[in-house]
Amino acid sequence: MDDFEQLNVIKADFKASGKVLAAIGDETRQHIIMVLIAAGCEGVRVGEITAQTHLSRPAVSHHLKILKDAGIVLVYKVAAMNYYYLDLSSWIKNLKMLTVNIENMLLKQSSKGGQ
């Protein structure tokens, strides 16, 4: 693959990861993600996230919506209770591809002497 093709692949990777990068770039959402990681597959309710982050319920709900819209968080219901958890299916894969392709391009450039 030539440099132009590789740059187009990276551009497509950025496009595929755009919502995720924007969502995880916020420090508050990073904190919520850490709470979700600690909760594991069982998920966690908004009230528990509120208690651990010291954010208001509306603020937690707002940030969870952004994370859901980016495909990072999923929710399941038990009766009237919602449990939020991380969806590891595609967004992690997209971020990995982005970083691998950038790294490969940089390694290729450095092996050419930066030309």
Protein backbone atom coordinates (compact mmCIF):
# COMPACT_ATOMS: atom_id res chain seq x y z
CA MET A 1 0.00 0.00 0.00
CA ASP A 2 1.42 3.38 -0.96
CA ASP A 3 1.41 6.44 1.32
CA PHE A 4 -1.67 7.98 -0.28
CA GLU A 5 -3.68 4.79 0.23
CA GLN A 6 -2.43 4.45 3.80
CA LEU A 7 -3.45 8.03 4.58
CA ASN A 8 -6.91 7.32 3.17
CA VAL A 9 -7.18 4.29 5.46
CA ILE A 10 -6.22 6.45 8.44
CA LYS A 11 -8.74 9.09 7.36
CA ALA A 12 -11.46 6.41 7.25
CA ASP A 13 -10.35 5.15 10.68
CA PHE A 14 -10.66 8.66 12.10
CA LYS A 15 -14.13 8.98 10.59
CA ALA A 16 -15.20 5.62 12.05
CA SER A 17 -13.86 6.61 15.48
CA GLY A 18 -14.94 10.27 15.49
CA LYS A 19 -17.89 9.99 17.88
CA VAL A 20 -15.92 7.76 20.22
CA LEU A 21 -12.92 10.10 20.29
CA ALA A 22 -15.18 13.08 21.01
CA ALA A 23 -17.04 11.18 23.73
CA ILE A 24 -13.99 9.85 25.56
CA GLY A 25 -12.15 13.17 25.30
CA ASP A 26 -14.25 14.60 28.13
CA GLU A 27 -12.81 14.12 31.63
CA THR A 28 -16.23 13.64 33.22
CA ARG A 29 -17.11 10.89 30.75
CA GLN A 30 -13.72 9.30 31.38
CA HIS A 31 -14.63 9.16 35.05
CA ILE A 32 -17.98 7.54 34.21
CA ILE A 33 -16.19 5.03 31.96
CA MET A 34 -13.91 4.12 34.86
CA VAL A 35 -16.97 3.50 37.05
CA LEU A 36 -18.42 1.28 34.32
CA ILE A 37 -15.15 -0.62 33.97
CA ALA A 38 -15.12 -1.29 37.72
CA ALA A 39 -18.75 -2.46 37.57
CA GLY A 40 -17.96 -5.08 34.95
CA CYS A 41 -20.56 -6.94 32.91
CA GLU A 42 -23.28 -6.57 35.53
CA GLY A 43 -23.57 -2.88 34.78
CA VAL A 44 -24.40 -0.05 37.10
CA ARG A 45 -27.40 2.19 37.73
CA VAL A 46 -27.41 5.97 37.38
CA GLY A 47 -27.71 6.40 41.15
CA GLU A 48 -24.53 4.38 41.70
CA ILE A 49 -22.66 6.42 39.10
CA THR A 50 -23.94 9.59 40.77
CA ALA A 51 -22.65 8.42 44.15
CA GLN A 52 -19.22 7.53 42.78
CA THR A 53 -18.73 10.61 40.62
CA HIS A 54 -20.49 13.23 42.78
CA LEU A 55 -22.37 14.42 39.70
CA SER A 56 -26.08 15.18 39.64
CA ARG A 57 -28.44 12.60 38.14
CA PRO A 58 -29.24 14.88 35.17
CA ALA A 59 -25.51 15.35 34.50
CA VAL A 60 -24.86 11.60 34.64
CA SER A 61 -27.82 10.95 32.34
CA HIS A 62 -26.55 13.58 29.89
CA HIS A 63 -23.08 12.04 29.75
CA LEU A 64 -24.47 8.50 29.49
CA LYS A 65 -26.57 9.58 26.50
CA ILE A 66 -23.44 10.88 24.75
CA LEU A 67 -21.62 7.63 25.53
CA LYS A 68 -24.61 5.60 24.29
CA ASP A 69 -24.86 7.65 21.09
CA ALA A 70 -21.15 7.01 20.45
CA GLY A 71 -21.69 3.26 20.84
CA ILE A 72 -19.59 3.01 23.98
CA VAL A 73 -22.32 2.24 26.50
CA LEU A 74 -25.28 -0.12 26.35
CA VAL A 75 -28.21 -0.43 28.74
CA TYR A 76 -30.35 -3.33 29.86
CA LYS A 77 -33.50 -3.20 31.95
CA VAL A 78 -34.58 -5.28 34.89
CA ALA A 79 -38.16 -4.34 35.74
CA ALA A 80 -38.03 -0.53 35.97
CA MET A 81 -34.27 -0.36 36.60
CA ASN A 82 -31.70 0.50 33.91
CA TYR A 83 -28.19 -0.91 34.13
CA TYR A 84 -25.43 0.69 32.05
CA TYR A 85 -22.34 -1.17 30.89
CA LEU A 86 -19.53 -0.83 28.36
CA ASP A 87 -20.02 -2.27 24.89
CA LEU A 88 -16.64 -3.61 23.82
CA SER A 89 -17.69 -4.94 20.43
CA SER A 90 -16.77 -2.33 17.83
CA TRP A 91 -15.52 0.91 19.31
CA ILE A 92 -12.42 -0.66 20.88
CA LYS A 93 -11.67 -2.43 17.59
CA ASN A 94 -11.99 0.85 15.66
CA LEU A 95 -9.65 2.67 18.05
CA LYS A 96 -7.12 -0.15 17.84
CA MET A 97 -7.20 -0.06 14.02
CA LEU A 98 -6.70 3.70 14.07
CA THR A 99 -3.68 3.53 16.35
CA VAL A 100 -2.16 0.55 14.53
CA ASN A 101 -2.52 2.24 11.15
CA ILE A 102 -1.00 5.49 12.44
CA GLU A 103 1.87 3.58 14.01
CA ASN A 104 2.49 1.62 10.80
CA MET A 105 2.51 4.81 8.74
CA LEU A 106 4.96 6.49 11.12
CA LEU A 107 7.23 3.45 11.19
CA LYS A 108 7.16 3.32 7.40
CA GLN A 109 8.04 7.03 7.23
CA SER A 110 10.86 6.71 9.74
CA SER A 111 12.32 3.73 7.86
CA LYS A 112 12.42 5.90 4.72
CA GLY A 113 14.39 8.52 6.59
CA GLY A 114 11.42 10.85 7.07
CA GLN A 115 10.96 11.42 3.34
